[in-house]
Amino acid sequence: FLKYCEINQIHDIQELQAKHIRKYILWLEGKGHNKGGVHAHFRVLRTFLYWYELENDFIDWVNPIQKVKVKRPRQEPLEPADIKAVKAMLDVCANNFTGVRDRLILLILLDTGLRASELLALDFVNVNPIVGTLQILHGKGDKFRVVYLGKKSRLALRSYYRRIKNREGALIIGVHGERLTYTGLRLLLMRRAKKAGV
């Protein structure tokens, strides 16, 4: 945005008008940004200008962003995972620690639709293996919620519990007992997919 202002001889924020912001949006589109990218630039600029307005109590300055509306791009829904592919990934999970853990991960994600970060943040204290509930302490918007596991997931959870001696801290752990990371989760899912041929 500063580069755009330089090109257009805008040297002071009070010179900025709604028409400049609209032209900036068109300039971004001309530079090859997609709708999502343009909207991201707009949101940053909008946040900055509202902050500037709050910090500087100008009587004669009207925030030009108030007159500019940029439509949020429509997000196309992702295709759901093919159930045959999921079944193939479940079938390649052996009856050892990593196989039982990976099977549990796949079933939890399938049953609940948890975000990766929510799954990885789960601790043993957040789980009721009998009823099959998971407490999500910090979901989207930092909201608390409870999700429920199906019968197969509850059985997989109990099987996983039998393999874990120390039931304090992270629920989903690596082979050395450390909390599984996002990268670790991504890699294990890729390995299972490759092994299953999906």
Foldseek 3Di string as FASTA:
>chain_A
DVVLCVVVVNDDPQVDALVSVVVVLVVVVVVPDDLQRSVVVLVVVVVVLVVVCVVDVDPPGDRRNVVDDRDRDDDDDDDDDDVVLLVLLLVPQDLDQVSLLLNLVSQCCVQFVADPVQLLQFALVQADLVQAKGWRQQGVVRDIDIGGGDPVSSVSLVSNVVVDDDRGTTPRADPVRHRQDPVNNVVVVVVSSVVSVD
